[in-house]
Amino acid sequence: MGNFQTDDFIAGCLGGASSVIVGHPLDTVKARLQVGHGYGNTFNCIISIYRNESVAGFYKGMSFPLASIAVYNSVVFGVFRNTQRFISECRNRSHCRAPDILDVTVASMVTGFISVGIGSPVDLVKIRLQMQTQSFIPGRKENMPTKHKSPLFQHQAAYKGPIHCFNSIIRQEGFAGMYRGAGAMILRDVPGYCLYFIPYTYLCEWLTQDYHAAPSASSVWIAGGISGAISWGTATPMDVVKSRLQADGVHCNKYKGVTDCILQSYHKEGFKVFFRGITVNAIRGFPMSAALFLTYELSLKAIKKTKVETDP
């Protein structure tokens, strides 16, 4: 790859950190809605978490994503931009021209596949930490101690923190256990990144009247927010399946795989279960993605400016 650049990796890392800080509270709400029971709606879920666990409940499991999602987004943006440049070079397209939709689509799909390698273990640990004290209805009671065979009960925390969670999964489920739900994540992220980068690319272009000028901060914020809301909203069905597969195993095992999870969820809760959390996903997607893209673009601009000033 002749024009490989590291700037996108650095800027993506900073953008990822900002997105976690902005989006984690609603991410916790989303996970509880998708996996838990008895909340009814988003507002009731927020009130329940606050009453039972105070403000700290919204930030459960954030330390691990804060560090790891920074690395994850570093890979996402680095792979996306460098793949896009590589495809453009192979097609002999000028860098001065607007990005071609084929370039953006292929780069988005490649990013979706590669991102699962890092994102799946990160999401797994995050979901386990968010859900470990969740009241829930057990699935296979034969896997539970006799004293716990009640319709609904509250568990004590199973993990002391992200490192303990990681070690517990490796010890109990092996290395493959870290990729529980990876299949559902691929089905979520490959189309999800297409609906993330394509709208962002063309919204930025549309909001910037002068094509040769860089998009303004407000344009980046709006384009990033809208693309995030679109991507997360449409990804909700597979996000529900992924979250359930990853939460499975904290206290019991209910699902054999993606298909089994889809069928069990549908038979027990109907078609609407796959849209559980869609509101909070779309709402959370806007500020989280807006913060990510804005931090990314500003960081990239600052890095390039520093390079120009330091070059002799």
C-alpha atoms as a PDB file:
ATOM      1  CA  MET A   1       0.000   0.000   0.000  1.00  0.00           C
ATOM      2  CA  GLY A   2       2.033   2.849  -1.345  1.00  0.00           C
ATOM      3  CA  ASN A   3       0.304   5.687   0.446  1.00  0.00           C
ATOM      4  CA  PHE A   4      -0.169   4.094   3.885  1.00  0.00           C
ATOM      5  CA  GLN A   5      -0.597   6.709   6.638  1.00  0.00           C
ATOM      6  CA  THR A   6      -0.577   6.408  10.422  1.00  0.00           C
ATOM      7  CA  ASP A   7      -2.266   9.762  11.079  1.00  0.00           C
ATOM      8  CA  ASP A   8      -5.729   8.161  10.755  1.00  0.00           C
ATOM      9  CA  PHE A   9      -4.883   5.586  13.424  1.00  0.00           C
ATOM     10  CA  ILE A  10      -3.845   8.282  15.919  1.00  0.00           C
ATOM     11  CA  ALA A  11      -6.850  10.510  15.206  1.00  0.00           C
ATOM     12  CA  GLY A  12      -9.188   7.499  15.347  1.00  0.00           C
ATOM     13  CA  CYS A  13      -7.818   6.575  18.767  1.00  0.00           C
ATOM     14  CA  LEU A  14      -8.609  10.039  20.167  1.00  0.00           C
ATOM     15  CA  GLY A  15     -12.028  10.026  18.526  1.00  0.00           C
ATOM     16  CA  GLY A  16     -12.831   6.619  20.008  1.00  0.00           C
ATOM     17  CA  ALA A  17     -12.011   7.777  23.535  1.00  0.00           C
ATOM     18  CA  SER A  18     -14.313  10.792  23.212  1.00  0.00           C
ATOM     19  CA  SER A  19     -17.172   8.634  21.874  1.00  0.00           C
ATOM     20  CA  VAL A  20     -16.987   6.276  24.870  1.00  0.00           C
ATOM     21  CA  ILE A  21     -17.183   9.134  27.370  1.00  0.00           C
ATOM     22  CA  VAL A  22     -20.207  10.594  25.584  1.00  0.00           C
ATOM     23  CA  GLY A  23     -22.041   7.371  24.760  1.00  0.00           C
ATOM     24  CA  HIS A  24     -21.422   4.868  27.580  1.00  0.00           C
ATOM     25  CA  PRO A  25     -24.353   5.807  29.873  1.00  0.00           C
ATOM     26  CA  LEU A  26     -26.884   5.236  27.088  1.00  0.00           C
ATOM     27  CA  ASP A  27     -24.958   2.148  25.996  1.00  0.00           C
ATOM     28  CA  THR A  28     -25.623   0.660  29.439  1.00  0.00           C
ATOM     29  CA  VAL A  29     -29.331   1.502  29.090  1.00  0.00           C
ATOM     30  CA  LYS A  30     -29.362  -0.088  25.630  1.00  0.00           C
ATOM     31  CA  ALA A  31     -27.755  -3.311  26.897  1.00  0.00           C
ATOM     32  CA  ARG A  32     -30.208  -3.579  29.805  1.00  0.00           C
ATOM     33  CA  LEU A  33     -33.202  -3.087  27.502  1.00  0.00           C
ATOM     34  CA  GLN A  34     -32.002  -5.696  25.027  1.00  0.00           C
ATOM     35  CA  VAL A  35     -31.045  -8.398  27.505  1.00  0.00           C
ATOM     36  CA  GLY A  36     -32.941  -7.609  30.711  1.00  0.00           C
ATOM     37  CA  HIS A  37     -36.607  -7.965  31.596  1.00  0.00           C
ATOM     38  CA  GLY A  38     -39.299  -5.869  33.205  1.00  0.00           C
ATOM     39  CA  TYR A  39     -38.225  -2.350  32.201  1.00  0.00           C
ATOM     40  CA  GLY A  40     -41.046  -1.634  29.783  1.00  0.00           C
ATOM     41  CA  ASN A  41     -39.434   1.355  28.080  1.00  0.00           C
ATOM     42  CA  THR A  42     -36.286   3.457  27.937  1.00  0.00           C
ATOM     43  CA  PHE A  43     -37.398   5.967  30.582  1.00  0.00           C
ATOM     44  CA  ASN A  44     -38.289   3.232  33.101  1.00  0.00           C
ATOM     45  CA  CYS A  45     -34.935   1.570  32.477  1.00  0.00           C
ATOM     46  CA  ILE A  46     -33.052   4.821  33.194  1.00  0.00           C
ATOM     47  CA  ILE A  47     -35.040   5.412  36.399  1.00  0.00           C
ATOM     48  CA  SER A  48     -34.542   1.810  37.529  1.00  0.00           C
ATOM     49  CA  ILE A  49     -30.765   1.918  37.015  1.00  0.00           C
ATOM     50  CA  TYR A  50     -30.517   5.235  38.860  1.00  0.00           C
ATOM     51  CA  ARG A  51     -32.652   4.089  41.818  1.00  0.00           C
ATOM     52  CA  ASN A  52     -30.902   0.750  42.232  1.00  0.00           C
ATOM     53  CA  GLU A  53     -27.326   1.631  41.338  1.00  0.00           C
ATOM     54  CA  SER A  54     -27.119   5.460  41.377  1.00  0.00           C
ATOM     55  CA  VAL A  55     -25.219   7.396  38.683  1.00  0.00           C
ATOM     56  CA  ALA A  56     -22.327   4.911  38.882  1.00  0.00           C
ATOM     57  CA  GLY A  57     -24.624   2.255  37.401  1.00  0.00           C
ATOM     58  CA  PHE A  58     -24.587   4.030  34.039  1.00  0.00           C
ATOM     59  CA  TYR A  59     -20.791   3.814  33.891  1.00  0.00           C
ATOM     60  CA  LYS A  60     -20.401   0.124  34.682  1.00  0.00           C
ATOM     61  CA  GLY A  61     -17.753  -1.468  32.512  1.00  0.00           C
ATOM     62  CA  MET A  62     -16.516   1.844  31.091  1.00  0.00           C
ATOM     63  CA  SER A  63     -12.838   1.596  32.060  1.00  0.00           C
ATOM     64  CA  PHE A  64     -12.181  -1.289  29.705  1.00  0.00           C
ATOM     65  CA  PRO A  65     -13.985   0.242  26.675  1.00  0.00           C
ATOM     66  CA  LEU A  66     -12.331   3.613  27.301  1.00  0.00           C
ATOM     67  CA  ALA A  67      -8.920   2.052  26.752  1.00  0.00           C
ATOM     68  CA  SER A  68      -9.848  -0.655  24.253  1.00  0.00           C
ATOM     69  CA  ILE A  69     -12.347   1.241  22.086  1.00  0.00           C
ATOM     70  CA  ALA A  70      -9.731   3.930  21.609  1.00  0.00           C
ATOM     71  CA  VAL A  71      -7.563   1.216  20.047  1.00  0.00           C
ATOM     72  CA  TYR A  72     -10.603  -0.230  18.254  1.00  0.00           C
ATOM     73  CA  ASN A  73     -11.498   3.071  16.591  1.00  0.00           C
ATOM     74  CA  SER A  74      -7.850   3.611  15.778  1.00  0.00           C
ATOM     75  CA  VAL A  75      -8.033   0.401  13.720  1.00  0.00           C
ATOM     76  CA  VAL A  76     -11.458   1.298  12.261  1.00  0.00           C
ATOM     77  CA  PHE A  77     -10.424   4.715  10.939  1.00  0.00           C
ATOM     78  CA  GLY A  78      -6.916   3.628  10.006  1.00  0.00           C
ATOM     79  CA  VAL A  79      -8.162   0.630   8.024  1.00  0.00           C
ATOM     80  CA  PHE A  80     -11.034   2.557   6.422  1.00  0.00           C
ATOM     81  CA  ARG A  81      -8.990   5.550   5.212  1.00  0.00           C
ATOM     82  CA  ASN A  82      -5.985   3.521   4.065  1.00  0.00           C
ATOM     83  CA  THR A  83      -8.183   0.957   2.304  1.00  0.00           C
ATOM     84  CA  GLN A  84     -10.087   3.756   0.592  1.00  0.00           C
ATOM     85  CA  ARG A  85      -6.840   5.357  -0.574  1.00  0.00           C
ATOM     86  CA  PHE A  86      -5.485   1.997  -1.734  1.00  0.00           C
ATOM     87  CA  ILE A  87      -8.605   1.257  -3.806  1.00  0.00           C
ATOM     88  CA  SER A  88      -8.502   4.732  -5.332  1.00  0.00           C
ATOM     89  CA  GLU A  89      -4.850   4.228  -6.304  1.00  0.00           C
ATOM     90  CA  CYS A  90      -5.627   0.853  -7.867  1.00  0.00           C
ATOM     91  CA  ARG A  91      -8.390   2.484  -9.897  1.00  0.00           C
ATOM     92  CA  ASN A  92      -6.085   5.384 -10.840  1.00  0.00           C
ATOM     93  CA  ARG A  93      -8.415   7.905  -9.271  1.00  0.00           C
ATOM     94  CA  SER A  94      -7.122  11.374  -8.392  1.00  0.00           C
ATOM     95  CA  HIS A  95      -7.021  12.342  -4.692  1.00  0.00           C
ATOM     96  CA  CYS A  96      -8.520  15.682  -5.685  1.00  0.00           C
ATOM     97  CA  ARG A  97     -11.766  14.044  -6.811  1.00  0.00           C
ATOM     98  CA  ALA A  98     -14.723  13.295  -4.538  1.00  0.00           C
ATOM     99  CA  PRO A  99     -14.692   9.787  -3.029  1.00  0.00           C
ATOM    100  CA  ASP A 100     -16.360   7.228  -5.267  1.00  0.00           C
ATOM    101  CA  ILE A 101     -19.256   5.307  -3.674  1.00  0.00           C
ATOM    102  CA  LEU A 102     -17.622   2.001  -4.661  1.00  0.00           C
ATOM    103  CA  ASP A 103     -14.395   2.980  -2.865  1.00  0.00           C
ATOM    104  CA  VAL A 104     -16.282   3.964   0.269  1.00  0.00           C
ATOM    105  CA  THR A 105     -18.488   0.854   0.229  1.00  0.00           C
ATOM    106  CA  VAL A 106     -15.638  -1.645  -0.191  1.00  0.00           C
ATOM    107  CA  ALA A 107     -13.513   0.155   2.417  1.00  0.00           C
ATOM    108  CA  SER A 108     -16.492   0.102   4.821  1.00  0.00           C
ATOM    109  CA  MET A 109     -17.038  -3.640   4.332  1.00  0.00           C
ATOM    110  CA  VAL A 110     -13.333  -4.418   4.852  1.00  0.00           C
ATOM    111  CA  THR A 111     -13.404  -2.289   8.004  1.00  0.00           C
ATOM    112  CA  GLY A 112     -16.476  -4.164   9.282  1.00  0.00           C
ATOM    113  CA  PHE A 113     -14.766  -7.558   8.939  1.00  0.00           C
ATOM    114  CA  ILE A 114     -11.441  -6.500  10.458  1.00  0.00           C
ATOM    115  CA  SER A 115     -13.024  -4.543  13.323  1.00  0.00           C
ATOM    116  CA  VAL A 116     -14.696  -7.685  14.724  1.00  0.00           C
ATOM    117  CA  GLY A 117     -11.285  -9.130  15.588  1.00  0.00           C
ATOM    118  CA  ILE A 118     -10.791  -6.409  18.209  1.00  0.00           C
ATOM    119  CA  GLY A 119     -14.379  -5.325  18.816  1.00  0.00           C
ATOM    120  CA  SER A 120     -15.831  -8.715  19.734  1.00  0.00           C
ATOM    121  CA  PRO A 121     -13.728  -9.306  22.905  1.00  0.00           C
ATOM    122  CA  VAL A 122     -14.154  -5.638  23.907  1.00  0.00           C
ATOM    123  CA  ASP A 123     -17.934  -5.804  23.535  1.00  0.00           C
ATOM    124  CA  LEU A 124     -18.090  -9.144  25.335  1.00  0.00           C
ATOM    125  CA  VAL A 125     -16.299  -7.871  28.446  1.00  0.00           C
ATOM    126  CA  LYS A 126     -18.318  -4.639  28.394  1.00  0.00           C
ATOM    127  CA  ILE A 127     -21.653  -6.487  28.129  1.00  0.00           C
ATOM    128  CA  ARG A 128     -20.703  -8.965  30.863  1.00  0.00           C
ATOM    129  CA  LEU A 129     -19.790  -6.134  33.249  1.00  0.00           C
ATOM    130  CA  GLN A 130     -22.965  -4.200  32.399  1.00  0.00           C
ATOM    131  CA  MET A 131     -25.241  -7.214  32.863  1.00  0.00           C
ATOM    132  CA  GLN A 132     -23.685  -9.135  35.755  1.00  0.00           C
ATOM    133  CA  THR A 133     -25.973  -7.705  38.456  1.00  0.00           C
ATOM    134  CA  GLN A 134     -29.031  -7.606  36.196  1.00  0.00           C
ATOM    135  CA  SER A 135     -32.234  -9.247  37.389  1.00  0.00           C
ATOM    136  CA  PHE A 136     -33.242 -11.778  34.774  1.00  0.00           C
ATOM    137  CA  ILE A 137     -35.273 -14.857  33.968  1.00  0.00           C
ATOM    138  CA  PRO A 138     -32.942 -17.865  33.755  1.00  0.00           C
ATOM    139  CA  GLY A 139     -32.960 -19.979  30.634  1.00  0.00           C
ATOM    140  CA  ARG A 140     -31.737 -23.516  31.230  1.00  0.00           C
ATOM    141  CA  LYS A 141     -32.437 -24.131  34.894  1.00  0.00           C
ATOM    142  CA  GLU A 142     -30.452 -27.342  34.864  1.00  0.00           C
ATOM    143  CA  ASN A 143     -27.308 -25.182  34.673  1.00  0.00           C
ATOM    144  CA  MET A 144     -28.265 -23.238  37.794  1.00  0.00           C
ATOM    145  CA  PRO A 145     -27.846 -24.106  41.484  1.00  0.00           C
ATOM    146  CA  THR A 146     -31.123 -25.436  42.997  1.00  0.00           C
ATOM    147  CA  LYS A 147     -31.486 -22.460  45.330  1.00  0.00           C
ATOM    148  CA  HIS A 148     -31.510 -20.130  42.315  1.00  0.00           C
ATOM    149  CA  LYS A 149     -34.308 -21.883  40.399  1.00  0.00           C
ATOM    150  CA  SER A 150     -36.813 -19.078  40.818  1.00  0.00           C
ATOM    151  CA  PRO A 151     -38.584 -17.198  37.998  1.00  0.00           C
ATOM    152  CA  LEU A 152     -36.719 -13.951  38.620  1.00  0.00           C
ATOM    153  CA  PHE A 153     -33.788 -13.138  40.856  1.00  0.00           C
ATOM    154  CA  GLN A 154     -30.994 -10.627  41.386  1.00  0.00           C
ATOM    155  CA  HIS A 155     -27.400 -11.822  41.145  1.00  0.00           C
ATOM    156  CA  GLN A 156     -24.378 -10.585  42.959  1.00  0.00           C
ATOM    157  CA  ALA A 157     -21.570  -9.284  40.761  1.00  0.00           C
ATOM    158  CA  ALA A 158     -19.827 -12.166  38.993  1.00  0.00           C
ATOM    159  CA  TYR A 159     -16.737 -10.151  38.038  1.00  0.00           C
ATOM    160  CA  LYS A 160     -14.506  -7.836  40.046  1.00  0.00           C
ATOM    161  CA  GLY A 161     -13.487  -5.797  36.996  1.00  0.00           C
ATOM    162  CA  PRO A 162     -12.493  -6.059  33.331  1.00  0.00           C
ATOM    163  CA  ILE A 163      -9.268  -8.005  33.953  1.00  0.00           C
ATOM    164  CA  HIS A 164     -11.056 -10.503  36.206  1.00  0.00           C
ATOM    165  CA  CYS A 165     -13.854 -10.783  33.636  1.00  0.00           C
ATOM    166  CA  PHE A 166     -11.355 -11.404  30.830  1.00  0.00           C
ATOM    167  CA  ASN A 167      -9.474 -14.038  32.839  1.00  0.00           C
ATOM    168  CA  SER A 168     -12.717 -15.745  33.912  1.00  0.00           C
ATOM    169  CA  ILE A 169     -13.940 -16.062  30.324  1.00  0.00           C
ATOM    170  CA  ILE A 170     -10.578 -17.460  29.153  1.00  0.00           C
ATOM    171  CA  ARG A 171     -10.488 -19.930  32.058  1.00  0.00           C
ATOM    172  CA  GLN A 172     -14.104 -21.104  31.707  1.00  0.00           C
ATOM    173  CA  GLU A 173     -14.679 -20.901  27.947  1.00  0.00           C
ATOM    174  CA  GLY A 174     -11.227 -20.824  26.403  1.00  0.00           C
ATOM    175  CA  PHE A 175      -9.924 -18.325  23.843  1.00  0.00           C
ATOM    176  CA  ALA A 176     -12.894 -19.035  21.554  1.00  0.00           C
ATOM    177  CA  GLY A 177     -15.160 -17.791  24.349  1.00  0.00           C
ATOM    178  CA  MET A 178     -13.826 -14.279  23.813  1.00  0.00           C
ATOM    179  CA  TYR A 179     -15.484 -14.347  20.382  1.00  0.00           C
ATOM    180  CA  ARG A 180     -18.938 -15.358  21.563  1.00  0.00           C
ATOM    181  CA  GLY A 181     -21.375 -13.421  19.379  1.00  0.00           C
ATOM    182  CA  ALA A 182     -18.747 -12.631  16.722  1.00  0.00           C
ATOM    183  CA  GLY A 183     -20.965 -14.025  13.952  1.00  0.00           C
ATOM    184  CA  ALA A 184     -23.794 -11.688  14.892  1.00  0.00           C
ATOM    185  CA  MET A 185     -21.296  -8.851  15.165  1.00  0.00           C
ATOM    186  CA  ILE A 186     -20.102  -9.431  11.577  1.00  0.00           C
ATOM    187  CA  LEU A 187     -23.717  -9.390  10.377  1.00  0.00           C
ATOM    188  CA  ARG A 188     -24.177  -6.135  12.296  1.00  0.00           C
ATOM    189  CA  ASP A 189     -20.931  -4.337  11.463  1.00  0.00           C
ATOM    190  CA  VAL A 190     -20.348  -5.063   7.766  1.00  0.00           C
ATOM    191  CA  PRO A 191     -23.603  -3.396   6.638  1.00  0.00           C
ATOM    192  CA  GLY A 192     -23.421  -1.113   9.686  1.00  0.00           C
ATOM    193  CA  TYR A 193     -20.154   0.505   8.623  1.00  0.00           C
ATOM    194  CA  CYS A 194     -21.506   0.972   5.097  1.00  0.00           C
ATOM    195  CA  LEU A 195     -24.391   2.913   6.640  1.00  0.00           C
ATOM    196  CA  TYR A 196     -21.872   4.766   8.802  1.00  0.00           C
ATOM    197  CA  PHE A 197     -19.185   5.970   6.415  1.00  0.00           C
ATOM    198  CA  ILE A 198     -21.262   6.398   3.241  1.00  0.00           C
ATOM    199  CA  PRO A 199     -23.780   8.864   4.767  1.00  0.00           C
ATOM    200  CA  TYR A 200     -20.965  10.661   6.600  1.00  0.00           C
ATOM    201  CA  THR A 201     -18.871  11.062   3.453  1.00  0.00           C
ATOM    202  CA  TYR A 202     -21.690  12.441   1.331  1.00  0.00           C
ATOM    203  CA  LEU A 203     -23.350  14.523   4.047  1.00  0.00           C
ATOM    204  CA  CYS A 204     -20.013  16.268   4.664  1.00  0.00           C
ATOM    205  CA  GLU A 205     -19.712  16.903   0.945  1.00  0.00           C
ATOM    206  CA  TRP A 206     -23.294  18.187   0.732  1.00  0.00           C
ATOM    207  CA  LEU A 207     -22.908  20.460   3.785  1.00  0.00           C
ATOM    208  CA  THR A 208     -19.628  21.895   2.434  1.00  0.00           C
ATOM    209  CA  GLN A 209     -20.470  24.249  -0.423  1.00  0.00           C
ATOM    210  CA  ASP A 210     -16.883  24.662  -1.544  1.00  0.00           C
ATOM    211  CA  TYR A 211     -15.709  21.159  -2.443  1.00  0.00           C
ATOM    212  CA  HIS A 212     -12.029  22.096  -2.182  1.00  0.00           C
ATOM    213  CA  ALA A 213     -12.498  23.376   1.384  1.00  0.00           C
ATOM    214  CA  ALA A 214     -12.383  21.088   4.401  1.00  0.00           C
ATOM    215  CA  PRO A 215     -15.774  20.566   6.094  1.00  0.00           C
ATOM    216  CA  SER A 216     -16.450  22.897   9.006  1.00  0.00           C
ATOM    217  CA  ALA A 217     -16.712  21.639  12.585  1.00  0.00           C
ATOM    218  CA  SER A 218     -20.499  22.080  12.497  1.00  0.00           C
ATOM    219  CA  SER A 219     -20.733  20.101   9.237  1.00  0.00           C
ATOM    220  CA  VAL A 220     -18.655  17.271  10.712  1.00  0.00           C
ATOM    221  CA  TRP A 221     -20.769  17.278  13.890  1.00  0.00           C
ATOM    222  CA  ILE A 222     -24.061  17.111  11.976  1.00  0.00           C
ATOM    223  CA  ALA A 223     -22.862  14.577   9.392  1.00  0.00           C
ATOM    224  CA  GLY A 224     -21.264  12.387  12.058  1.00  0.00           C
ATOM    225  CA  GLY A 225     -24.336  12.512  14.278  1.00  0.00           C
ATOM    226  CA  ILE A 226     -26.793  11.687  11.491  1.00  0.00           C
ATOM    227  CA  SER A 227     -24.650   8.844  10.149  1.00  0.00           C
ATOM    228  CA  GLY A 228     -24.328   7.422  13.665  1.00  0.00           C
ATOM    229  CA  ALA A 229     -28.083   7.546  14.243  1.00  0.00           C
ATOM    230  CA  ILE A 230     -28.732   5.847  10.881  1.00  0.00           C
ATOM    231  CA  SER A 231     -26.096   3.167  11.407  1.00  0.00           C
ATOM    232  CA  TRP A 232     -27.018   2.292  14.979  1.00  0.00           C
ATOM    233  CA  GLY A 233     -30.746   2.455  14.313  1.00  0.00           C
ATOM    234  CA  THR A 234     -30.613   0.026  11.381  1.00  0.00           C
ATOM    235  CA  ALA A 235     -28.121  -2.248  13.184  1.00  0.00           C
ATOM    236  CA  THR A 236     -30.457  -2.768  16.166  1.00  0.00           C
ATOM    237  CA  PRO A 237     -31.846  -6.239  15.213  1.00  0.00           C
ATOM    238  CA  MET A 238     -28.409  -7.857  14.987  1.00  0.00           C
ATOM    239  CA  ASP A 239     -27.222  -5.753  17.926  1.00  0.00           C
ATOM    240  CA  VAL A 240     -29.962  -7.367  20.042  1.00  0.00           C
ATOM    241  CA  VAL A 241     -28.813 -10.846  18.982  1.00  0.00           C
ATOM    242  CA  LYS A 242     -25.151  -9.975  19.593  1.00  0.00           C
ATOM    243  CA  SER A 243     -25.883  -8.552  23.061  1.00  0.00           C
ATOM    244  CA  ARG A 244     -27.901 -11.609  24.072  1.00  0.00           C
ATOM    245  CA  LEU A 245     -25.233 -14.018  22.885  1.00  0.00           C
ATOM    246  CA  GLN A 246     -22.523 -12.097  24.714  1.00  0.00           C
ATOM    247  CA  ALA A 247     -24.534 -11.748  27.938  1.00  0.00           C
ATOM    248  CA  ASP A 248     -25.282 -15.466  27.761  1.00  0.00           C
ATOM    249  CA  GLY A 249     -22.913 -17.295  30.063  1.00  0.00           C
ATOM    250  CA  VAL A 250     -22.715 -14.750  32.888  1.00  0.00           C
ATOM    251  CA  HIS A 251     -24.977 -16.954  35.028  1.00  0.00           C
ATOM    252  CA  CYS A 252     -26.420 -19.545  32.624  1.00  0.00           C
ATOM    253  CA  ASN A 253     -26.323 -20.685  28.989  1.00  0.00           C
ATOM    254  CA  LYS A 254     -29.450 -20.313  26.878  1.00  0.00           C
ATOM    255  CA  TYR A 255     -28.330 -20.065  23.252  1.00  0.00           C
ATOM    256  CA  LYS A 256     -26.439 -22.443  20.943  1.00  0.00           C
ATOM    257  CA  GLY A 257     -25.622 -19.802  18.332  1.00  0.00           C
ATOM    258  CA  VAL A 258     -26.940 -16.938  16.216  1.00  0.00           C
ATOM    259  CA  THR A 259     -29.836 -18.878  14.648  1.00  0.00           C
ATOM    260  CA  ASP A 260     -30.897 -20.410  17.971  1.00  0.00           C
ATOM    261  CA  CYS A 261     -30.812 -16.982  19.631  1.00  0.00           C
ATOM    262  CA  ILE A 262     -32.972 -15.478  16.868  1.00  0.00           C
ATOM    263  CA  LEU A 263     -35.510 -18.335  17.039  1.00  0.00           C
ATOM    264  CA  GLN A 264     -35.728 -18.415  20.844  1.00  0.00           C
ATOM    265  CA  SER A 265     -36.051 -14.644  21.071  1.00  0.00           C
ATOM    266  CA  TYR A 266     -38.760 -14.602  18.387  1.00  0.00           C
ATOM    267  CA  HIS A 267     -40.780 -17.464  19.890  1.00  0.00           C
ATOM    268  CA  LYS A 268     -40.686 -16.042  23.410  1.00  0.00           C
ATOM    269  CA  GLU A 269     -41.028 -12.306  22.753  1.00  0.00           C
ATOM    270  CA  GLY A 270     -42.198 -11.866  19.180  1.00  0.00           C
ATOM    271  CA  PHE A 271     -40.782  -9.888  16.261  1.00  0.00           C
ATOM    272  CA  LYS A 272     -40.684  -6.632  18.229  1.00  0.00           C
ATOM    273  CA  VAL A 273     -37.864  -7.971  20.427  1.00  0.00           C
ATOM    274  CA  PHE A 274     -35.402  -7.321  17.584  1.00  0.00           C
ATOM    275  CA  PHE A 275     -36.181  -3.619  17.775  1.00  0.00           C
ATOM    276  CA  ARG A 276     -35.775  -3.402  21.528  1.00  0.00           C
ATOM    277  CA  GLY A 277     -33.474  -0.493  22.273  1.00  0.00           C
ATOM    278  CA  ILE A 278     -33.807   1.052  18.791  1.00  0.00           C
ATOM    279  CA  THR A 279     -34.790   4.421  20.265  1.00  0.00           C
ATOM    280  CA  VAL A 280     -31.859   4.590  22.655  1.00  0.00           C
ATOM    281  CA  ASN A 281     -29.564   3.228  19.914  1.00  0.00           C
ATOM    282  CA  ALA A 282     -30.521   6.010  17.520  1.00  0.00           C
ATOM    283  CA  ILE A 283     -30.450   8.720  20.210  1.00  0.00           C
ATOM    284  CA  ARG A 284     -27.116   7.483  21.580  1.00  0.00           C
ATOM    285  CA  GLY A 285     -25.707   7.124  18.070  1.00  0.00           C
ATOM    286  CA  PHE A 286     -25.989  10.846  17.326  1.00  0.00           C
ATOM    287  CA  PRO A 287     -23.863  12.444  20.092  1.00  0.00           C
ATOM    288  CA  MET A 288     -21.475   9.504  20.279  1.00  0.00           C
ATOM    289  CA  SER A 289     -20.707   9.514  16.546  1.00  0.00           C
ATOM    290  CA  ALA A 290     -20.754  13.307  16.339  1.00  0.00           C
ATOM    291  CA  ALA A 291     -18.115  13.453  19.087  1.00  0.00           C
ATOM    292  CA  LEU A 292     -16.101  10.671  17.437  1.00  0.00           C
ATOM    293  CA  PHE A 293     -15.986  12.228  13.946  1.00  0.00           C
ATOM    294  CA  LEU A 294     -15.406  15.752  15.243  1.00  0.00           C
ATOM    295  CA  THR A 295     -12.524  14.660  17.472  1.00  0.00           C
ATOM    296  CA  TYR A 296     -11.133  12.554  14.632  1.00  0.00           C
ATOM    297  CA  GLU A 297     -11.227  15.356  12.054  1.00  0.00           C
ATOM    298  CA  LEU A 298      -9.847  18.002  14.451  1.00  0.00           C
ATOM    299  CA  SER A 299      -7.078  15.641  15.609  1.00  0.00           C
ATOM    300  CA  LEU A 300      -6.186  14.777  12.021  1.00  0.00           C
ATOM    301  CA  LYS A 301      -6.019  18.467  11.127  1.00  0.00           C
ATOM    302  CA  ALA A 302      -3.814  19.184  14.168  1.00  0.00           C
ATOM    303  CA  ILE A 303      -1.472  16.279  13.323  1.00  0.00           C
ATOM    304  CA  LYS A 304      -1.052  17.440   9.739  1.00  0.00           C
ATOM    305  CA  LYS A 305      -0.504  21.036  10.830  1.00  0.00           C
ATOM    306  CA  THR A 306       2.182  19.927  13.280  1.00  0.00           C
ATOM    307  CA  LYS A 307       3.926  17.945  10.543  1.00  0.00           C
ATOM    308  CA  VAL A 308       3.941  20.940   8.203  1.00  0.00           C
ATOM    309  CA  GLU A 309       5.364  23.210  10.910  1.00  0.00           C
ATOM    310  CA  THR A 310       8.103  20.742  11.920  1.00  0.00           C
ATOM    311  CA  ASP A 311       9.152  19.820   8.374  1.00  0.00           C
ATOM    312  CA  PRO A 312      12.255  21.797   7.270  1.00  0.00           C
END
